[in-house]
Amino acid sequence: MTNPGMQNEVTAQQGHPEIEREIVRVSADYLPSPKEFHHNYQDETVVETVRIDAMTFFGVKDFQDRNIHKFFLEFESRVLENTSQTLEQLLGRHRRSAHFNLIERVTQGGGSNASELSKR
C-alpha cells in the first residue's frame, strides 16, 4: 500500500535498499505577515521555485529604488544563495519536510528610479 508523500523502498543495483522520496512538505514564515506559507513539492524542485512561490504568497518582489531589495530563503540559520539546488540536495534523501524564513536583504546603492529586478 502506497501513501502519497511517504517514502517508497526501491532496490538499488548493488542490492542495497534505496529510499525514493516523492513529496517534501514546505512551510515558510515572513515577518511581518501573520500567515504561514504551506506547499508540497517534488524533491527535485529547485529552491528558486520555492522562493518565488513564497514571495508570491506574501505579495513581495525583488526591486530596486535607491537600494537593492532582494528576498532570500533562510534555512536552519543560513541564507540560501544557491537557489539552483534541489530540495533533495538541500535536505538530503530522508527528510520529508522543511521550514524556511523569507527574508529581505537590502543593499545600498541602486539607481534613483524604482524598478523590479530581473528574475534570475
N, C-alpha and C. Protein backbone atom coordinates (compact mmCIF):
# COMPACT_ATOMS: atom_id res chain seq x y z
N MET A 1 0.84 -1.19 0.00
CA MET A 1 0.00 0.00 0.00
C MET A 1 0.88 1.24 0.00
N THR A 2 0.63 2.15 -0.91
CA THR A 2 1.44 3.36 -1.03
C THR A 2 0.63 4.56 -0.58
N ASN A 3 1.22 5.37 0.29
CA ASN A 3 0.58 6.61 0.74
C ASN A 3 1.27 7.77 0.06
N PRO A 4 0.51 8.72 -0.50
CA PRO A 4 1.15 9.90 -1.11
C PRO A 4 2.01 10.63 -0.09
N GLY A 5 3.18 11.06 -0.52
CA GLY A 5 4.06 11.80 0.36
C GLY A 5 4.93 10.92 1.25
N MET A 6 4.71 9.63 1.22
CA MET A 6 5.52 8.73 2.04
C MET A 6 6.66 8.19 1.19
N GLN A 7 7.63 7.60 1.86
CA GLN A 7 8.79 7.08 1.16
C GLN A 7 8.49 5.67 0.66
N ASN A 8 8.93 5.37 -0.55
CA ASN A 8 8.79 4.04 -1.11
C ASN A 8 10.16 3.40 -1.18
N GLU A 9 10.24 2.11 -0.83
CA GLU A 9 11.52 1.42 -0.86
C GLU A 9 11.77 0.89 -2.27
N VAL A 10 12.96 1.12 -2.79
CA VAL A 10 13.34 0.69 -4.12
C VAL A 10 14.67 -0.03 -3.98
N THR A 11 14.87 -1.10 -4.72
CA THR A 11 16.14 -1.84 -4.65
C THR A 11 17.14 -1.23 -5.61
N ALA A 12 18.30 -0.86 -5.11
CA ALA A 12 19.37 -0.29 -5.93
C ALA A 12 20.09 -1.41 -6.67
N GLN A 13 20.91 -1.06 -7.66
CA GLN A 13 21.62 -2.05 -8.46
C GLN A 13 22.55 -2.91 -7.62
N GLN A 14 23.15 -2.36 -6.55
CA GLN A 14 24.07 -3.12 -5.73
C GLN A 14 23.32 -4.01 -4.73
N GLY A 15 21.99 -3.99 -4.73
CA GLY A 15 21.23 -4.82 -3.82
C GLY A 15 20.93 -4.14 -2.50
N HIS A 16 21.35 -2.89 -2.31
CA HIS A 16 21.07 -2.16 -1.08
C HIS A 16 19.76 -1.41 -1.25
N PRO A 17 18.94 -1.37 -0.21
CA PRO A 17 17.70 -0.61 -0.33
C PRO A 17 18.00 0.87 -0.48
N GLU A 18 17.25 1.52 -1.32
CA GLU A 18 17.41 2.95 -1.56
C GLU A 18 16.05 3.60 -1.33
N ILE A 19 16.04 4.75 -0.68
CA ILE A 19 14.78 5.43 -0.39
C ILE A 19 14.50 6.45 -1.49
N GLU A 20 13.29 6.41 -2.02
CA GLU A 20 12.87 7.37 -3.04
C GLU A 20 11.79 8.25 -2.43
N ARG A 21 12.04 9.53 -2.31
CA ARG A 21 11.08 10.45 -1.72
C ARG A 21 10.33 11.15 -2.84
N GLU A 22 9.03 11.24 -2.72
CA GLU A 22 8.25 11.89 -3.76
C GLU A 22 7.88 13.32 -3.37
N ILE A 23 7.43 13.51 -2.15
CA ILE A 23 6.88 14.81 -1.74
C ILE A 23 7.67 15.39 -0.56
N VAL A 24 7.91 16.70 -0.61
CA VAL A 24 8.52 17.43 0.50
C VAL A 24 7.50 18.47 0.94
N ARG A 25 7.12 18.44 2.21
CA ARG A 25 6.19 19.43 2.76
C ARG A 25 6.99 20.65 3.20
N VAL A 26 6.68 21.80 2.59
CA VAL A 26 7.42 23.02 2.85
C VAL A 26 6.51 24.04 3.53
N SER A 27 7.07 24.74 4.49
CA SER A 27 6.39 25.89 5.09
C SER A 27 7.39 27.04 5.15
N ALA A 28 6.85 28.26 5.21
CA ALA A 28 7.72 29.43 5.29
C ALA A 28 7.01 30.55 6.03
N ASP A 29 7.79 31.29 6.80
CA ASP A 29 7.32 32.48 7.51
C ASP A 29 7.93 33.70 6.85
N TYR A 30 7.23 34.81 6.97
CA TYR A 30 7.77 36.10 6.55
C TYR A 30 7.25 37.15 7.51
N LEU A 31 8.14 37.75 8.25
CA LEU A 31 7.73 38.82 9.15
C LEU A 31 7.64 40.09 8.32
N PRO A 32 6.58 40.82 8.35
CA PRO A 32 5.61 40.95 9.42
C PRO A 32 4.30 40.19 9.22
N SER A 33 4.18 39.32 8.24
CA SER A 33 2.92 38.63 7.97
C SER A 33 2.57 37.64 9.07
N PRO A 34 1.30 37.62 9.51
CA PRO A 34 0.88 36.62 10.49
C PRO A 34 0.59 35.26 9.83
N LYS A 35 0.52 35.22 8.50
CA LYS A 35 0.23 33.99 7.77
C LYS A 35 1.50 33.16 7.59
N GLU A 36 1.30 31.87 7.32
CA GLU A 36 2.42 30.99 7.02
C GLU A 36 2.16 30.31 5.68
N PHE A 37 3.18 30.26 4.84
CA PHE A 37 3.11 29.61 3.53
C PHE A 37 3.26 28.11 3.71
N HIS A 38 2.40 27.33 3.05
CA HIS A 38 2.48 25.87 3.05
C HIS A 38 2.30 25.36 1.63
N HIS A 39 3.16 24.45 1.22
CA HIS A 39 3.02 23.86 -0.11
C HIS A 39 3.81 22.55 -0.15
N ASN A 40 3.33 21.61 -0.96
CA ASN A 40 4.05 20.36 -1.17
C ASN A 40 4.77 20.42 -2.51
N TYR A 41 6.02 19.95 -2.54
CA TYR A 41 6.84 19.96 -3.75
C TYR A 41 7.43 18.57 -3.98
N GLN A 42 7.75 18.30 -5.24
CA GLN A 42 8.54 17.11 -5.56
C GLN A 42 9.96 17.36 -5.06
N ASP A 43 10.67 16.32 -4.69
CA ASP A 43 12.02 16.50 -4.14
C ASP A 43 13.01 17.05 -5.16
N GLU A 44 12.71 16.95 -6.46
CA GLU A 44 13.62 17.50 -7.47
C GLU A 44 13.35 18.98 -7.77
N THR A 45 12.40 19.59 -7.06
CA THR A 45 12.10 21.02 -7.22
C THR A 45 13.29 21.85 -6.76
N VAL A 46 13.65 22.88 -7.56
CA VAL A 46 14.76 23.74 -7.18
C VAL A 46 14.30 24.78 -6.15
N VAL A 47 15.22 25.21 -5.32
CA VAL A 47 14.94 26.16 -4.25
C VAL A 47 14.37 27.47 -4.81
N GLU A 48 14.79 27.88 -6.01
CA GLU A 48 14.27 29.11 -6.61
C GLU A 48 12.76 29.06 -6.79
N THR A 49 12.21 27.91 -7.12
CA THR A 49 10.76 27.76 -7.26
C THR A 49 10.07 28.01 -5.93
N VAL A 50 10.62 27.47 -4.87
CA VAL A 50 10.06 27.69 -3.53
C VAL A 50 10.14 29.17 -3.17
N ARG A 51 11.27 29.80 -3.47
CA ARG A 51 11.46 31.22 -3.17
C ARG A 51 10.41 32.07 -3.90
N ILE A 52 10.23 31.83 -5.19
CA ILE A 52 9.27 32.60 -5.98
C ILE A 52 7.85 32.36 -5.48
N ASP A 53 7.50 31.11 -5.19
CA ASP A 53 6.15 30.81 -4.70
C ASP A 53 5.89 31.47 -3.35
N ALA A 54 6.87 31.47 -2.46
CA ALA A 54 6.72 32.12 -1.16
C ALA A 54 6.59 33.63 -1.33
N MET A 55 7.39 34.21 -2.20
CA MET A 55 7.30 35.65 -2.45
C MET A 55 5.92 36.02 -2.99
N THR A 56 5.40 35.22 -3.92
CA THR A 56 4.07 35.47 -4.48
C THR A 56 3.01 35.37 -3.38
N PHE A 57 3.10 34.35 -2.54
CA PHE A 57 2.16 34.17 -1.44
C PHE A 57 2.14 35.39 -0.52
N PHE A 58 3.32 35.91 -0.21
CA PHE A 58 3.41 37.05 0.72
C PHE A 58 3.29 38.40 0.02
N GLY A 59 3.18 38.40 -1.31
CA GLY A 59 2.97 39.64 -2.05
C GLY A 59 4.17 40.56 -2.10
N VAL A 60 5.36 39.98 -2.18
CA VAL A 60 6.59 40.79 -2.24
C VAL A 60 7.36 40.44 -3.51
N LYS A 61 8.23 41.37 -3.94
CA LYS A 61 9.07 41.19 -5.13
C LYS A 61 10.44 41.78 -4.88
N ASP A 62 11.42 41.22 -5.58
CA ASP A 62 12.74 41.86 -5.61
C ASP A 62 12.55 43.19 -6.34
N PHE A 63 13.16 44.26 -5.84
CA PHE A 63 13.06 45.54 -6.54
C PHE A 63 14.24 46.42 -6.20
N GLN A 64 14.34 47.50 -6.98
CA GLN A 64 15.42 48.46 -6.79
C GLN A 64 14.84 49.85 -6.74
N ASP A 65 15.23 50.61 -5.73
CA ASP A 65 14.96 52.04 -5.66
C ASP A 65 16.33 52.67 -5.46
N ARG A 66 16.52 53.43 -4.43
CA ARG A 66 17.89 53.89 -4.13
C ARG A 66 18.76 52.73 -3.67
N ASN A 67 18.12 51.69 -3.20
CA ASN A 67 18.80 50.49 -2.73
C ASN A 67 18.29 49.29 -3.53
N ILE A 68 18.95 48.17 -3.37
CA ILE A 68 18.52 46.92 -3.99
C ILE A 68 17.89 46.06 -2.90
N HIS A 69 16.65 45.64 -3.13
CA HIS A 69 15.90 44.82 -2.19
C HIS A 69 15.73 43.44 -2.82
N LYS A 70 16.33 42.43 -2.21
CA LYS A 70 16.24 41.07 -2.74
C LYS A 70 15.83 40.14 -1.62
N PHE A 71 14.94 39.22 -1.95
CA PHE A 71 14.43 38.26 -0.97
C PHE A 71 15.15 36.93 -1.09
N PHE A 72 15.41 36.34 0.05
CA PHE A 72 16.11 35.06 0.14
C PHE A 72 15.35 34.14 1.08
N LEU A 73 15.54 32.85 0.89
CA LEU A 73 15.06 31.88 1.88
C LEU A 73 16.19 31.62 2.86
N GLU A 74 15.81 31.52 4.11
CA GLU A 74 16.75 31.17 5.16
C GLU A 74 16.34 29.79 5.67
N PHE A 75 17.32 28.91 5.82
CA PHE A 75 17.06 27.55 6.28
C PHE A 75 18.09 27.18 7.33
N GLU A 76 17.61 26.81 8.49
CA GLU A 76 18.49 26.43 9.61
C GLU A 76 19.58 27.49 9.84
N SER A 77 19.16 28.74 9.94
CA SER A 77 20.01 29.90 10.25
C SER A 77 21.03 30.24 9.16
N ARG A 78 20.81 29.74 7.94
CA ARG A 78 21.72 30.13 6.86
C ARG A 78 20.92 30.58 5.65
N VAL A 79 21.40 31.66 5.04
CA VAL A 79 20.75 32.23 3.86
C VAL A 79 21.11 31.38 2.65
N LEU A 80 20.09 30.98 1.89
CA LEU A 80 20.30 30.14 0.72
C LEU A 80 20.51 31.02 -0.51
N GLU A 81 21.75 31.10 -0.95
CA GLU A 81 22.06 31.91 -2.12
C GLU A 81 22.11 31.05 -3.38
N ASN A 82 22.38 29.76 -3.23
CA ASN A 82 22.38 28.85 -4.38
C ASN A 82 20.96 28.31 -4.55
N THR A 83 20.16 29.02 -5.33
CA THR A 83 18.77 28.62 -5.50
C THR A 83 18.57 27.63 -6.63
N SER A 84 19.66 27.17 -7.25
CA SER A 84 19.55 26.17 -8.31
C SER A 84 19.63 24.75 -7.76
N GLN A 85 19.93 24.60 -6.48
CA GLN A 85 19.97 23.27 -5.89
C GLN A 85 18.55 22.77 -5.65
N THR A 86 18.38 21.45 -5.69
CA THR A 86 17.06 20.87 -5.46
C THR A 86 16.79 20.73 -3.96
N LEU A 87 15.53 20.50 -3.64
CA LEU A 87 15.20 20.27 -2.23
C LEU A 87 15.91 19.02 -1.71
N GLU A 88 16.02 18.00 -2.54
CA GLU A 88 16.73 16.79 -2.12
C GLU A 88 18.20 17.08 -1.83
N GLN A 89 18.85 17.89 -2.67
CA GLN A 89 20.25 18.24 -2.43
C GLN A 89 20.38 19.04 -1.14
N LEU A 90 19.44 19.92 -0.88
CA LEU A 90 19.49 20.74 0.34
C LEU A 90 19.19 19.91 1.59
N LEU A 91 18.18 19.07 1.52
CA LEU A 91 17.67 18.39 2.71
C LEU A 91 18.25 17.00 2.93
N GLY A 92 18.77 16.39 1.88
CA GLY A 92 19.20 15.00 1.99
C GLY A 92 18.05 14.09 1.58
N ARG A 93 18.33 12.83 1.48
CA ARG A 93 17.36 11.86 0.94
C ARG A 93 16.25 11.49 1.91
N HIS A 94 16.45 11.64 3.21
CA HIS A 94 15.50 11.09 4.17
C HIS A 94 14.56 12.12 4.77
N ARG A 95 14.77 13.37 4.52
CA ARG A 95 13.94 14.41 5.12
C ARG A 95 12.74 14.71 4.23
N ARG A 96 11.55 14.75 4.80
CA ARG A 96 10.33 14.94 4.03
C ARG A 96 9.65 16.28 4.26
N SER A 97 10.25 17.14 5.08
CA SER A 97 9.67 18.45 5.33
C SER A 97 10.77 19.46 5.63
N ALA A 98 10.42 20.73 5.43
CA ALA A 98 11.39 21.80 5.69
C ALA A 98 10.63 23.08 6.01
N HIS A 99 11.20 23.86 6.91
CA HIS A 99 10.64 25.17 7.24
C HIS A 99 11.67 26.24 6.89
N PHE A 100 11.22 27.26 6.16
CA PHE A 100 12.08 28.36 5.73
C PHE A 100 11.56 29.67 6.31
N ASN A 101 12.45 30.65 6.37
CA ASN A 101 12.06 32.03 6.62
C ASN A 101 12.37 32.80 5.35
N LEU A 102 11.42 33.63 4.92
CA LEU A 102 11.66 34.51 3.80
C LEU A 102 12.19 35.81 4.37
N ILE A 103 13.37 36.21 3.94
CA ILE A 103 13.99 37.42 4.48
C ILE A 103 14.33 38.38 3.34
N GLU A 104 14.39 39.66 3.68
CA GLU A 104 14.74 40.68 2.70
C GLU A 104 16.14 41.19 3.02
N ARG A 105 16.97 41.23 1.98
CA ARG A 105 18.30 41.80 2.12
C ARG A 105 18.33 43.11 1.33
N VAL A 106 18.70 44.18 2.00
CA VAL A 106 18.76 45.49 1.37
C VAL A 106 20.23 45.87 1.20
N THR A 107 20.62 46.13 -0.05
CA THR A 107 21.98 46.54 -0.36
C THR A 107 21.94 48.00 -0.81
N GLN A 108 22.76 48.82 -0.17
CA GLN A 108 22.76 50.24 -0.52
C GLN A 108 23.34 50.47 -1.90
N GLY A 109 22.79 51.51 -2.57
CA GLY A 109 23.41 51.97 -3.81
C GLY A 109 22.83 51.46 -5.08
N GLY A 110 21.54 51.52 -5.25
CA GLY A 110 20.94 51.21 -6.54
C GLY A 110 20.82 52.49 -7.35
N GLY A 111 20.06 52.45 -8.40
CA GLY A 111 19.79 53.65 -9.19
C GLY A 111 18.73 54.49 -8.52
N SER A 112 18.40 55.64 -9.09
CA SER A 112 17.42 56.52 -8.49
C SER A 112 15.99 56.20 -8.93
N ASN A 113 15.81 55.39 -9.98
CA ASN A 113 14.48 55.03 -10.44
C ASN A 113 14.05 53.70 -9.84
N ALA A 114 12.81 53.62 -9.37
CA ALA A 114 12.30 52.37 -8.82
C ALA A 114 12.02 51.41 -9.96
N SER A 115 12.41 50.17 -9.79
CA SER A 115 12.12 49.14 -10.81
C SER A 115 12.20 47.76 -10.18
N GLU A 116 11.51 46.83 -10.81
CA GLU A 116 11.57 45.45 -10.35
C GLU A 116 12.85 44.83 -10.90
N LEU A 117 13.55 44.08 -10.05
CA LEU A 117 14.79 43.41 -10.50
C LEU A 117 14.43 42.27 -11.43
N SER A 118 15.30 42.01 -12.38
CA SER A 118 15.06 40.89 -13.27
C SER A 118 15.14 39.59 -12.48
N LYS A 119 14.30 38.65 -12.88
CA LYS A 119 14.29 37.33 -12.20
C LYS A 119 15.44 36.51 -12.73
N ARG A 120 16.17 35.89 -11.82
CA ARG A 120 17.33 35.08 -12.22
C ARG A 120 17.01 33.63 -12.12
